[in-house]
Amino acid sequence: MGLFQKLVSFLGVGKKDVNVLVVGLNNSGKSTVVNNFKADDDKVTDIVPTVGFSVERFQKQNLGFTAFDMSGHGRYRDLWEYYYKDCQGIIFVIDSSDRLRLVVVKEELDLLLQHPDICQKKIPILFFANKMDCREALSSVKIAAALGLDKIMDKPWHISASNALTGEGLQEGVEWLTQQIRELLSVKV
């Protein structure tokens, strides 16, 4: 490492790399959300369901994000917990139009919050109430109430209404998450 890089690193003005976990049930729009944050040259036009997980990288405000886009299929959800320990933020994507599976979303969220690698950390959680363009979509306020988000007292959280197809609501959410992670990193230094 050169002298300049050492100085930049010491002063904390250089780029920092963070890991974020992108979770949610299958077909909630996780991969489409992540695709929106990638550089234009790296974006894909055909999003296919994630099997297991995929790793994507993007930059935001001098933070380098490594996003672990986890499959939401039932048989793959057990994989999520293997990535809890090393993540600095969580993006939880919810299909706002899928009222029937909102109970399953709540169960998965409760399991996540109770996991030893999560409950011990003040990790920020960004919720995307996705697919707001659907006629039957619940508002972000109703999603927050159904999931009992107001009961999360030990972690910063934010819910953002979004449409991953158009990108609506995504910038606001990721800017909030970036700020939370920056604050978390500044406390650790």
N, C-alpha and C. Protein backbone atom coordinates (compact mmCIF):
# COMPACT_ATOMS: atom_id res chain seq x y z
N MET A 1 0.86 -1.18 0.00
CA MET A 1 0.00 0.00 0.00
C MET A 1 0.90 1.23 0.00
N GLY A 2 0.64 2.15 -0.95
CA GLY A 2 1.44 3.35 -1.05
C GLY A 2 1.14 4.34 0.06
N LEU A 3 1.99 5.35 0.18
CA LEU A 3 1.85 6.36 1.23
C LEU A 3 0.52 7.09 1.12
N PHE A 4 0.13 7.44 -0.12
CA PHE A 4 -1.14 8.14 -0.31
C PHE A 4 -2.33 7.30 0.14
N GLN A 5 -2.33 6.01 -0.24
CA GLN A 5 -3.43 5.14 0.16
C GLN A 5 -3.48 4.98 1.68
N LYS A 6 -2.31 4.89 2.31
CA LYS A 6 -2.27 4.78 3.77
C LYS A 6 -2.86 6.02 4.42
N LEU A 7 -2.49 7.19 3.89
CA LEU A 7 -2.99 8.45 4.43
C LEU A 7 -4.51 8.56 4.24
N VAL A 8 -4.97 8.22 3.05
CA VAL A 8 -6.40 8.25 2.76
C VAL A 8 -7.14 7.30 3.70
N SER A 9 -6.61 6.10 3.87
CA SER A 9 -7.23 5.10 4.74
C SER A 9 -7.24 5.59 6.19
N PHE A 10 -6.12 6.17 6.63
CA PHE A 10 -6.01 6.66 8.01
C PHE A 10 -7.02 7.78 8.27
N LEU A 11 -7.18 8.66 7.31
CA LEU A 11 -8.10 9.79 7.48
C LEU A 11 -9.55 9.39 7.26
N GLY A 12 -9.76 8.19 6.74
CA GLY A 12 -11.13 7.71 6.57
C GLY A 12 -11.86 8.33 5.40
N VAL A 13 -11.13 8.90 4.44
CA VAL A 13 -11.80 9.52 3.29
C VAL A 13 -11.82 8.61 2.08
N GLY A 14 -11.16 7.49 2.16
CA GLY A 14 -11.14 6.55 1.05
C GLY A 14 -12.44 5.77 0.97
N LYS A 15 -12.54 5.00 -0.09
CA LYS A 15 -13.72 4.17 -0.28
C LYS A 15 -13.72 3.02 0.71
N LYS A 16 -14.84 2.78 1.31
CA LYS A 16 -15.00 1.65 2.21
C LYS A 16 -15.90 0.63 1.53
N ASP A 17 -15.64 -0.64 1.82
CA ASP A 17 -16.45 -1.71 1.27
C ASP A 17 -17.32 -2.30 2.36
N VAL A 18 -18.58 -2.52 2.03
CA VAL A 18 -19.53 -3.09 3.00
C VAL A 18 -20.32 -4.21 2.33
N ASN A 19 -20.78 -5.14 3.15
CA ASN A 19 -21.62 -6.23 2.69
C ASN A 19 -23.06 -5.99 3.10
N VAL A 20 -23.97 -6.11 2.16
CA VAL A 20 -25.39 -6.02 2.48
C VAL A 20 -26.07 -7.30 2.01
N LEU A 21 -27.01 -7.72 2.77
CA LEU A 21 -27.78 -8.92 2.47
C LEU A 21 -29.12 -8.49 1.90
N VAL A 22 -29.49 -9.01 0.76
CA VAL A 22 -30.77 -8.68 0.13
C VAL A 22 -31.65 -9.92 0.25
N VAL A 23 -32.69 -9.81 1.10
CA VAL A 23 -33.54 -10.96 1.38
C VAL A 23 -35.01 -10.61 1.13
N GLY A 24 -35.83 -11.62 1.12
CA GLY A 24 -37.26 -11.48 0.90
C GLY A 24 -37.76 -12.75 0.25
N LEU A 25 -39.06 -12.93 0.21
CA LEU A 25 -39.62 -14.13 -0.41
C LEU A 25 -39.37 -14.12 -1.91
N ASN A 26 -39.49 -15.31 -2.51
CA ASN A 26 -39.32 -15.40 -3.95
C ASN A 26 -40.36 -14.51 -4.65
N ASN A 27 -39.95 -13.97 -5.78
CA ASN A 27 -40.78 -13.11 -6.61
C ASN A 27 -41.13 -11.76 -5.97
N SER A 28 -40.34 -11.33 -4.99
CA SER A 28 -40.60 -10.02 -4.38
C SER A 28 -39.91 -8.89 -5.14
N GLY A 29 -38.91 -9.24 -5.95
CA GLY A 29 -38.22 -8.22 -6.74
C GLY A 29 -36.81 -7.92 -6.27
N LYS A 30 -36.21 -8.81 -5.51
CA LYS A 30 -34.87 -8.58 -4.97
C LYS A 30 -33.83 -8.34 -6.06
N SER A 31 -33.78 -9.22 -7.03
CA SER A 31 -32.78 -9.11 -8.11
C SER A 31 -33.03 -7.87 -8.95
N THR A 32 -34.27 -7.51 -9.15
CA THR A 32 -34.59 -6.31 -9.92
C THR A 32 -34.16 -5.06 -9.16
N VAL A 33 -34.35 -5.07 -7.84
CA VAL A 33 -33.88 -3.95 -7.00
C VAL A 33 -32.37 -3.80 -7.15
N VAL A 34 -31.64 -4.88 -6.96
CA VAL A 34 -30.18 -4.83 -7.04
C VAL A 34 -29.73 -4.41 -8.43
N ASN A 35 -30.40 -4.87 -9.46
CA ASN A 35 -30.05 -4.51 -10.83
C ASN A 35 -30.10 -3.00 -11.04
N ASN A 36 -31.03 -2.32 -10.36
CA ASN A 36 -31.15 -0.87 -10.49
C ASN A 36 -29.93 -0.12 -9.99
N PHE A 37 -29.19 -0.68 -9.06
CA PHE A 37 -28.05 0.01 -8.47
C PHE A 37 -26.75 -0.23 -9.21
N LYS A 38 -26.75 -1.16 -10.13
CA LYS A 38 -25.54 -1.47 -10.87
C LYS A 38 -25.29 -0.39 -11.92
N ALA A 39 -24.02 -0.29 -12.34
CA ALA A 39 -23.66 0.64 -13.41
C ALA A 39 -24.42 0.26 -14.67
N ASP A 40 -24.72 1.24 -15.51
CA ASP A 40 -25.51 1.00 -16.72
C ASP A 40 -24.94 -0.13 -17.58
N ASP A 41 -23.63 -0.22 -17.66
CA ASP A 41 -23.00 -1.27 -18.47
C ASP A 41 -23.20 -2.66 -17.89
N ASP A 42 -23.44 -2.74 -16.59
CA ASP A 42 -23.56 -4.03 -15.91
C ASP A 42 -25.00 -4.50 -15.74
N LYS A 43 -25.96 -3.62 -16.03
CA LYS A 43 -27.37 -3.99 -15.85
C LYS A 43 -27.78 -5.06 -16.85
N VAL A 44 -28.68 -5.92 -16.40
CA VAL A 44 -29.21 -6.96 -17.29
C VAL A 44 -30.66 -6.63 -17.63
N THR A 45 -31.10 -7.10 -18.78
CA THR A 45 -32.48 -6.80 -19.20
C THR A 45 -33.44 -7.91 -18.80
N ASP A 46 -32.95 -9.14 -18.72
CA ASP A 46 -33.80 -10.26 -18.33
C ASP A 46 -33.41 -10.74 -16.94
N ILE A 47 -34.29 -10.53 -15.98
CA ILE A 47 -34.05 -10.97 -14.61
C ILE A 47 -34.64 -12.37 -14.45
N VAL A 48 -33.82 -13.29 -14.00
CA VAL A 48 -34.30 -14.66 -13.77
C VAL A 48 -34.28 -14.93 -12.27
N PRO A 49 -35.13 -15.84 -11.81
CA PRO A 49 -35.15 -16.16 -10.37
C PRO A 49 -33.78 -16.63 -9.89
N THR A 50 -33.39 -16.13 -8.73
CA THR A 50 -32.10 -16.49 -8.15
C THR A 50 -32.18 -17.87 -7.52
N VAL A 51 -31.20 -18.68 -7.83
CA VAL A 51 -31.09 -20.01 -7.22
C VAL A 51 -29.90 -19.94 -6.27
N GLY A 52 -30.14 -20.20 -4.98
CA GLY A 52 -29.08 -20.07 -3.99
C GLY A 52 -28.86 -18.61 -3.68
N PHE A 53 -27.85 -18.00 -4.30
CA PHE A 53 -27.61 -16.56 -4.14
C PHE A 53 -26.75 -16.08 -5.29
N SER A 54 -26.72 -14.78 -5.47
CA SER A 54 -25.79 -14.17 -6.43
C SER A 54 -25.14 -12.98 -5.74
N VAL A 55 -23.97 -12.64 -6.20
CA VAL A 55 -23.22 -11.53 -5.62
C VAL A 55 -23.11 -10.43 -6.66
N GLU A 56 -23.53 -9.23 -6.28
CA GLU A 56 -23.46 -8.07 -7.17
C GLU A 56 -22.75 -6.94 -6.43
N ARG A 57 -22.10 -6.07 -7.18
CA ARG A 57 -21.39 -4.95 -6.58
C ARG A 57 -21.89 -3.64 -7.19
N PHE A 58 -21.98 -2.61 -6.33
CA PHE A 58 -22.31 -1.27 -6.80
C PHE A 58 -21.73 -0.25 -5.83
N GLN A 59 -21.67 1.00 -6.25
CA GLN A 59 -21.09 2.09 -5.46
C GLN A 59 -22.18 3.09 -5.10
N LYS A 60 -22.05 3.66 -3.92
CA LYS A 60 -22.96 4.73 -3.50
C LYS A 60 -22.22 5.59 -2.51
N GLN A 61 -22.06 6.88 -2.81
CA GLN A 61 -21.44 7.85 -1.90
C GLN A 61 -20.14 7.34 -1.28
N ASN A 62 -19.23 6.92 -2.12
CA ASN A 62 -17.91 6.47 -1.68
C ASN A 62 -17.94 5.19 -0.84
N LEU A 63 -19.05 4.48 -0.88
CA LEU A 63 -19.14 3.17 -0.25
C LEU A 63 -19.25 2.14 -1.37
N GLY A 64 -18.44 1.11 -1.29
CA GLY A 64 -18.54 0.00 -2.23
C GLY A 64 -19.41 -1.08 -1.62
N PHE A 65 -20.55 -1.33 -2.23
CA PHE A 65 -21.49 -2.32 -1.72
C PHE A 65 -21.25 -3.67 -2.40
N THR A 66 -21.16 -4.72 -1.62
CA THR A 66 -21.24 -6.08 -2.13
C THR A 66 -22.59 -6.60 -1.65
N ALA A 67 -23.49 -6.80 -2.60
CA ALA A 67 -24.85 -7.22 -2.27
C ALA A 67 -24.99 -8.72 -2.50
N PHE A 68 -25.35 -9.42 -1.44
CA PHE A 68 -25.63 -10.85 -1.53
C PHE A 68 -27.13 -11.00 -1.74
N ASP A 69 -27.49 -11.21 -2.99
CA ASP A 69 -28.89 -11.34 -3.40
C ASP A 69 -29.30 -12.79 -3.15
N MET A 70 -30.04 -13.01 -2.07
CA MET A 70 -30.37 -14.36 -1.62
C MET A 70 -31.69 -14.83 -2.24
N SER A 71 -31.74 -16.10 -2.60
CA SER A 71 -32.97 -16.68 -3.11
C SER A 71 -34.05 -16.65 -2.04
N GLY A 72 -35.27 -16.39 -2.45
CA GLY A 72 -36.39 -16.35 -1.52
C GLY A 72 -37.23 -17.61 -1.52
N HIS A 73 -36.85 -18.59 -2.34
CA HIS A 73 -37.59 -19.86 -2.35
C HIS A 73 -37.43 -20.55 -1.00
N GLY A 74 -38.48 -21.19 -0.54
CA GLY A 74 -38.49 -21.82 0.77
C GLY A 74 -37.29 -22.69 1.06
N ARG A 75 -36.88 -23.51 0.10
CA ARG A 75 -35.78 -24.43 0.37
C ARG A 75 -34.42 -23.74 0.46
N TYR A 76 -34.33 -22.48 0.01
CA TYR A 76 -33.06 -21.76 0.07
C TYR A 76 -32.99 -20.75 1.21
N ARG A 77 -34.09 -20.48 1.88
CA ARG A 77 -34.10 -19.45 2.92
C ARG A 77 -33.17 -19.77 4.09
N ASP A 78 -32.90 -21.07 4.31
CA ASP A 78 -31.98 -21.44 5.38
C ASP A 78 -30.56 -20.94 5.10
N LEU A 79 -30.26 -20.62 3.86
CA LEU A 79 -28.93 -20.10 3.52
C LEU A 79 -28.70 -18.69 4.05
N TRP A 80 -29.76 -17.93 4.25
CA TRP A 80 -29.62 -16.53 4.67
C TRP A 80 -28.72 -16.40 5.88
N GLU A 81 -28.95 -17.26 6.88
CA GLU A 81 -28.26 -17.10 8.16
C GLU A 81 -26.75 -17.24 8.06
N TYR A 82 -26.25 -17.90 7.03
CA TYR A 82 -24.80 -18.04 6.88
C TYR A 82 -24.12 -16.73 6.50
N TYR A 83 -24.89 -15.73 6.14
CA TYR A 83 -24.34 -14.45 5.71
C TYR A 83 -24.61 -13.33 6.72
N TYR A 84 -25.34 -13.61 7.79
CA TYR A 84 -25.68 -12.59 8.78
C TYR A 84 -24.45 -12.01 9.47
N LYS A 85 -23.51 -12.87 9.82
CA LYS A 85 -22.37 -12.44 10.63
C LYS A 85 -21.54 -11.36 9.95
N ASP A 86 -21.38 -11.44 8.64
CA ASP A 86 -20.48 -10.54 7.94
C ASP A 86 -21.18 -9.41 7.20
N CYS A 87 -22.44 -9.16 7.49
CA CYS A 87 -23.12 -8.07 6.77
C CYS A 87 -23.23 -6.83 7.65
N GLN A 88 -23.18 -5.68 6.99
CA GLN A 88 -23.30 -4.39 7.68
C GLN A 88 -24.67 -3.74 7.45
N GLY A 89 -25.50 -4.37 6.65
CA GLY A 89 -26.83 -3.85 6.38
C GLY A 89 -27.69 -4.92 5.73
N ILE A 90 -29.00 -4.75 5.88
CA ILE A 90 -29.94 -5.71 5.28
C ILE A 90 -30.97 -4.93 4.46
N ILE A 91 -31.22 -5.42 3.27
CA ILE A 91 -32.32 -4.91 2.44
C ILE A 91 -33.35 -6.03 2.37
N PHE A 92 -34.53 -5.76 2.90
CA PHE A 92 -35.61 -6.76 2.94
C PHE A 92 -36.67 -6.30 1.95
N VAL A 93 -36.85 -7.06 0.89
CA VAL A 93 -37.79 -6.68 -0.17
C VAL A 93 -39.09 -7.44 0.01
N ILE A 94 -40.20 -6.71 -0.04
CA ILE A 94 -41.53 -7.27 0.17
C ILE A 94 -42.40 -7.00 -1.06
N ASP A 95 -43.09 -8.00 -1.52
CA ASP A 95 -44.06 -7.83 -2.60
C ASP A 95 -45.34 -7.28 -1.96
N SER A 96 -45.57 -5.98 -2.12
CA SER A 96 -46.71 -5.31 -1.49
C SER A 96 -48.06 -5.80 -2.00
N SER A 97 -48.06 -6.46 -3.15
CA SER A 97 -49.33 -6.93 -3.71
C SER A 97 -49.65 -8.37 -3.30
N ASP A 98 -48.73 -9.03 -2.63
CA ASP A 98 -48.91 -10.43 -2.24
C ASP A 98 -49.41 -10.51 -0.80
N ARG A 99 -50.69 -10.18 -0.61
CA ARG A 99 -51.29 -10.15 0.72
C ARG A 99 -51.28 -11.52 1.39
N LEU A 100 -51.48 -12.57 0.61
CA LEU A 100 -51.56 -13.92 1.17
C LEU A 100 -50.27 -14.35 1.86
N ARG A 101 -49.13 -13.93 1.33
CA ARG A 101 -47.86 -14.38 1.92
C ARG A 101 -47.25 -13.39 2.90
N LEU A 102 -47.99 -12.36 3.26
CA LEU A 102 -47.48 -11.39 4.22
C LEU A 102 -47.20 -12.04 5.58
N VAL A 103 -47.97 -13.06 5.92
CA VAL A 103 -47.73 -13.81 7.16
C VAL A 103 -46.39 -14.53 7.10
N VAL A 104 -46.06 -15.08 5.93
CA VAL A 104 -44.77 -15.76 5.76
C VAL A 104 -43.64 -14.74 5.84
N VAL A 105 -43.83 -13.56 5.26
CA VAL A 105 -42.83 -12.50 5.34
C VAL A 105 -42.56 -12.16 6.81
N LYS A 106 -43.63 -12.02 7.60
CA LYS A 106 -43.47 -11.71 9.02
C LYS A 106 -42.70 -12.81 9.74
N GLU A 107 -43.03 -14.07 9.44
CA GLU A 107 -42.31 -15.19 10.07
C GLU A 107 -40.82 -15.15 9.73
N GLU A 108 -40.49 -14.90 8.48
CA GLU A 108 -39.08 -14.84 8.06
C GLU A 108 -38.37 -13.66 8.70
N LEU A 109 -39.06 -12.52 8.80
CA LEU A 109 -38.48 -11.35 9.45
C LEU A 109 -38.22 -11.64 10.93
N ASP A 110 -39.18 -12.27 11.61
CA ASP A 110 -39.00 -12.61 13.03
C ASP A 110 -37.83 -13.56 13.22
N LEU A 111 -37.69 -14.55 12.35
CA LEU A 111 -36.55 -15.47 12.43
C LEU A 111 -35.23 -14.72 12.25
N LEU A 112 -35.20 -13.81 11.30
CA LEU A 112 -34.00 -13.01 11.05
C LEU A 112 -33.65 -12.19 12.29
N LEU A 113 -34.63 -11.48 12.84
CA LEU A 113 -34.38 -10.60 13.99
C LEU A 113 -33.97 -11.36 15.25
N GLN A 114 -34.39 -12.61 15.37
CA GLN A 114 -34.06 -13.40 16.55
C GLN A 114 -32.74 -14.16 16.41
N HIS A 115 -32.17 -14.18 15.22
CA HIS A 115 -30.93 -14.94 15.01
C HIS A 115 -29.80 -14.29 15.83
N PRO A 116 -28.97 -15.10 16.50
CA PRO A 116 -27.89 -14.56 17.35
C PRO A 116 -26.94 -13.60 16.62
N ASP A 117 -26.68 -13.83 15.34
CA ASP A 117 -25.78 -12.94 14.61
C ASP A 117 -26.42 -11.61 14.23
N ILE A 118 -27.74 -11.50 14.36
CA ILE A 118 -28.44 -10.26 14.04
C ILE A 118 -28.89 -9.55 15.31
N CYS A 119 -29.45 -10.30 16.25
CA CYS A 119 -30.04 -9.65 17.43
C CYS A 119 -28.98 -8.95 18.29
N GLN A 120 -27.73 -9.34 18.15
CA GLN A 120 -26.65 -8.72 18.94
C GLN A 120 -26.09 -7.45 18.28
N LYS A 121 -26.48 -7.19 17.03
CA LYS A 121 -25.91 -6.06 16.30
C LYS A 121 -26.95 -4.97 16.07
N LYS A 122 -26.47 -3.75 15.94
CA LYS A 122 -27.34 -2.62 15.64
C LYS A 122 -27.35 -2.39 14.12
N ILE A 123 -27.62 -3.44 13.41
CA ILE A 123 -27.55 -3.44 11.95
C ILE A 123 -28.77 -2.74 11.34
N PRO A 124 -28.55 -1.81 10.41
CA PRO A 124 -29.69 -1.13 9.78
C PRO A 124 -30.42 -2.05 8.81
N ILE A 125 -31.75 -1.93 8.81
CA ILE A 125 -32.57 -2.74 7.91
C ILE A 125 -33.44 -1.81 7.06
N LEU A 126 -33.27 -1.93 5.76
CA LEU A 126 -34.07 -1.16 4.81
C LEU A 126 -35.12 -2.09 4.23
N PHE A 127 -36.37 -1.70 4.36
CA PHE A 127 -37.48 -2.47 3.79
C PHE A 127 -37.96 -1.76 2.54
N PHE A 128 -38.03 -2.50 1.45
CA PHE A 128 -38.65 -1.99 0.23
C PHE A 128 -40.02 -2.62 0.11
N ALA A 129 -41.07 -1.80 0.23
CA ALA A 129 -42.44 -2.24 -0.04
C ALA A 129 -42.58 -2.14 -1.56
N ASN A 130 -42.21 -3.20 -2.23
CA ASN A 130 -42.05 -3.21 -3.68
C ASN A 130 -43.38 -3.50 -4.40
N LYS A 131 -43.35 -3.28 -5.69
CA LYS A 131 -44.49 -3.51 -6.59
C LYS A 131 -45.67 -2.60 -6.27
N MET A 132 -45.36 -1.36 -5.92
CA MET A 132 -46.40 -0.38 -5.61
C MET A 132 -47.25 -0.01 -6.82
N ASP A 133 -46.81 -0.42 -8.01
CA ASP A 133 -47.57 -0.14 -9.22
C ASP A 133 -48.77 -1.08 -9.39
N CYS A 134 -48.79 -2.16 -8.63
CA CYS A 134 -49.91 -3.11 -8.72
C CYS A 134 -51.15 -2.54 -8.03
N ARG A 135 -52.29 -2.75 -8.63
CA ARG A 135 -53.54 -2.20 -8.11
C ARG A 135 -53.83 -2.69 -6.69
N GLU A 136 -53.54 -3.94 -6.39
CA GLU A 136 -53.86 -4.51 -5.08
C GLU A 136 -52.75 -4.32 -4.04
N ALA A 137 -51.75 -3.51 -4.35
CA ALA A 137 -50.63 -3.30 -3.42
C ALA A 137 -51.08 -2.58 -2.16
N LEU A 138 -50.56 -3.05 -1.03
CA LEU A 138 -50.78 -2.38 0.25
C LEU A 138 -49.80 -1.22 0.37
N SER A 139 -50.18 -0.18 1.07
CA SER A 139 -49.28 0.96 1.27
C SER A 139 -48.13 0.55 2.19
N SER A 140 -47.06 1.32 2.16
CA SER A 140 -45.91 1.02 3.02
C SER A 140 -46.31 1.12 4.50
N VAL A 141 -47.26 1.98 4.82
CA VAL A 141 -47.75 2.11 6.19
C VAL A 141 -48.45 0.82 6.63
N LYS A 142 -49.29 0.27 5.74
CA LYS A 142 -49.99 -0.99 6.07
C LYS A 142 -49.02 -2.16 6.15
N ILE A 143 -48.00 -2.16 5.28
CA ILE A 143 -46.98 -3.22 5.34
C ILE A 143 -46.23 -3.13 6.67
N ALA A 144 -45.83 -1.92 7.05
CA ALA A 144 -45.11 -1.73 8.31
C ALA A 144 -45.95 -2.21 9.50
N ALA A 145 -47.24 -1.90 9.47
CA ALA A 145 -48.13 -2.33 10.57
C ALA A 145 -48.28 -3.84 10.58
N ALA A 146 -48.47 -4.45 9.41
CA ALA A 146 -48.65 -5.91 9.34
C ALA A 146 -47.41 -6.66 9.81
N LEU A 147 -46.24 -6.09 9.58
CA LEU A 147 -44.99 -6.74 9.99
C LEU A 147 -44.56 -6.36 11.41
N GLY A 148 -45.27 -5.42 12.02
CA GLY A 148 -44.92 -4.99 13.37
C GLY A 148 -43.58 -4.28 13.43
N LEU A 149 -43.25 -3.50 12.41
CA LEU A 149 -41.95 -2.83 12.36
C LEU A 149 -41.76 -1.85 13.51
N ASP A 150 -42.86 -1.29 14.02
CA ASP A 150 -42.75 -0.33 15.13
C ASP A 150 -42.20 -0.99 16.40
N LYS A 151 -42.18 -2.31 16.44
CA LYS A 151 -41.66 -3.03 17.61
C LYS A 151 -40.14 -3.23 17.52
N ILE A 152 -39.54 -2.91 16.40
CA ILE A 152 -38.08 -3.01 16.26
C ILE A 152 -37.47 -1.77 16.89
N MET A 153 -36.96 -1.92 18.10
CA MET A 153 -36.43 -0.78 18.84
C MET A 153 -34.90 -0.74 18.87
N ASP A 154 -34.25 -1.87 18.63
CA ASP A 154 -32.80 -1.95 18.81
C ASP A 154 -32.01 -1.83 17.50
N LYS A 155 -32.68 -1.53 16.41
CA LYS A 155 -32.02 -1.39 15.12
C LYS A 155 -32.66 -0.25 14.34
N PRO A 156 -31.85 0.52 13.63
CA PRO A 156 -32.46 1.52 12.76
C PRO A 156 -33.13 0.81 11.58
N TRP A 157 -34.33 1.24 11.22
CA TRP A 157 -35.02 0.67 10.08
C TRP A 157 -35.78 1.77 9.35
N HIS A 158 -36.04 1.48 8.10
CA HIS A 158 -36.75 2.43 7.25
C HIS A 158 -37.53 1.62 6.21
N ILE A 159 -38.72 2.07 5.90
CA ILE A 159 -39.49 1.41 4.84
C ILE A 159 -39.72 2.41 3.72
N SER A 160 -39.51 1.96 2.51
CA SER A 160 -39.64 2.81 1.35
C SER A 160 -40.55 2.14 0.33
N ALA A 161 -41.59 2.84 -0.08
CA ALA A 161 -42.46 2.34 -1.15
C ALA A 161 -41.64 2.34 -2.44
N SER A 162 -41.72 1.25 -3.20
CA SER A 162 -40.87 1.18 -4.39
C SER A 162 -41.54 0.44 -5.54
N ASN A 163 -40.97 0.69 -6.70
CA ASN A 163 -41.32 -0.05 -7.91
C ASN A 163 -39.98 -0.35 -8.57
N ALA A 164 -39.48 -1.55 -8.40
CA ALA A 164 -38.15 -1.90 -8.89
C ALA A 164 -38.07 -1.85 -10.42
N LEU A 165 -39.19 -2.01 -11.11
CA LEU A 165 -39.16 -1.95 -12.57
C LEU A 165 -38.84 -0.55 -13.07
N THR A 166 -39.36 0.48 -12.41
CA THR A 166 -39.10 1.86 -12.82
C THR A 166 -38.00 2.51 -12.00
N GLY A 167 -37.65 1.92 -10.85
CA GLY A 167 -36.65 2.51 -9.97
C GLY A 167 -37.23 3.45 -8.94
N GLU A 168 -38.53 3.67 -9.00
CA GLU A 168 -39.18 4.59 -8.09
C GLU A 168 -39.01 4.15 -6.63
N GLY A 169 -38.55 5.08 -5.78
CA GLY A 169 -38.40 4.81 -4.35
C GLY A 169 -37.09 4.14 -3.96
N LEU A 170 -36.33 3.66 -4.93
CA LEU A 170 -35.11 2.92 -4.60
C LEU A 170 -33.98 3.84 -4.14
N GLN A 171 -33.80 4.98 -4.81
CA GLN A 171 -32.72 5.91 -4.44
C GLN A 171 -32.87 6.39 -3.00
N GLU A 172 -34.07 6.80 -2.66
CA GLU A 172 -34.34 7.29 -1.30
C GLU A 172 -33.95 6.23 -0.27
N GLY A 173 -34.36 5.01 -0.53
CA GLY A 173 -34.07 3.93 0.40
C GLY A 173 -32.59 3.64 0.55
N VAL A 174 -31.90 3.53 -0.57
CA VAL A 174 -30.47 3.19 -0.49
C VAL A 174 -29.66 4.35 0.07
N GLU A 175 -30.11 5.58 -0.14
CA GLU A 175 -29.43 6.72 0.48
C GLU A 175 -29.56 6.66 2.00
N TRP A 176 -30.75 6.29 2.49
CA TRP A 176 -30.93 6.12 3.93
C TRP A 176 -29.99 5.03 4.45
N LEU A 177 -29.94 3.89 3.76
CA LEU A 177 -29.09 2.78 4.20
C LEU A 177 -27.62 3.18 4.18
N THR A 178 -27.20 3.89 3.15
CA THR A 178 -25.81 4.35 3.05
C THR A 178 -25.46 5.23 4.24
N GLN A 179 -26.35 6.16 4.58
CA GLN A 179 -26.10 7.05 5.73
C GLN A 179 -26.02 6.25 7.03
N GLN A 180 -26.90 5.30 7.22
CA GLN A 180 -26.88 4.47 8.44
C GLN A 180 -25.59 3.68 8.55
N ILE A 181 -25.15 3.11 7.44
CA ILE A 181 -23.91 2.32 7.46
C ILE A 181 -22.71 3.23 7.71
N ARG A 182 -22.72 4.42 7.13
CA ARG A 182 -21.64 5.38 7.38
C ARG A 182 -21.54 5.71 8.87
N GLU A 183 -22.70 5.96 9.49
CA GLU A 183 -22.71 6.26 10.91
C GLU A 183 -22.22 5.07 11.72
N LEU A 184 -22.61 3.87 11.34
CA LEU A 184 -22.18 2.66 12.01
C LEU A 184 -20.66 2.50 11.90
N LEU A 185 -20.11 2.75 10.72
CA LEU A 185 -18.68 2.62 10.51
C LEU A 185 -17.91 3.69 11.27
N SER A 186 -18.46 4.90 11.35
CA SER A 186 -17.76 5.98 12.07
C SER A 186 -17.70 5.71 13.57
N VAL A 187 -18.71 5.00 14.10
CA VAL A 187 -18.71 4.66 15.52
C VAL A 187 -17.65 3.61 15.80
N LYS A 188 -17.44 2.68 14.86
CA LYS A 188 -16.48 1.59 15.05
C LYS A 188 -15.03 2.07 14.96
N VAL A 189 -14.78 3.19 14.25
CA VAL A 189 -13.40 3.65 14.04
C VAL A 189 -12.81 4.19 15.31
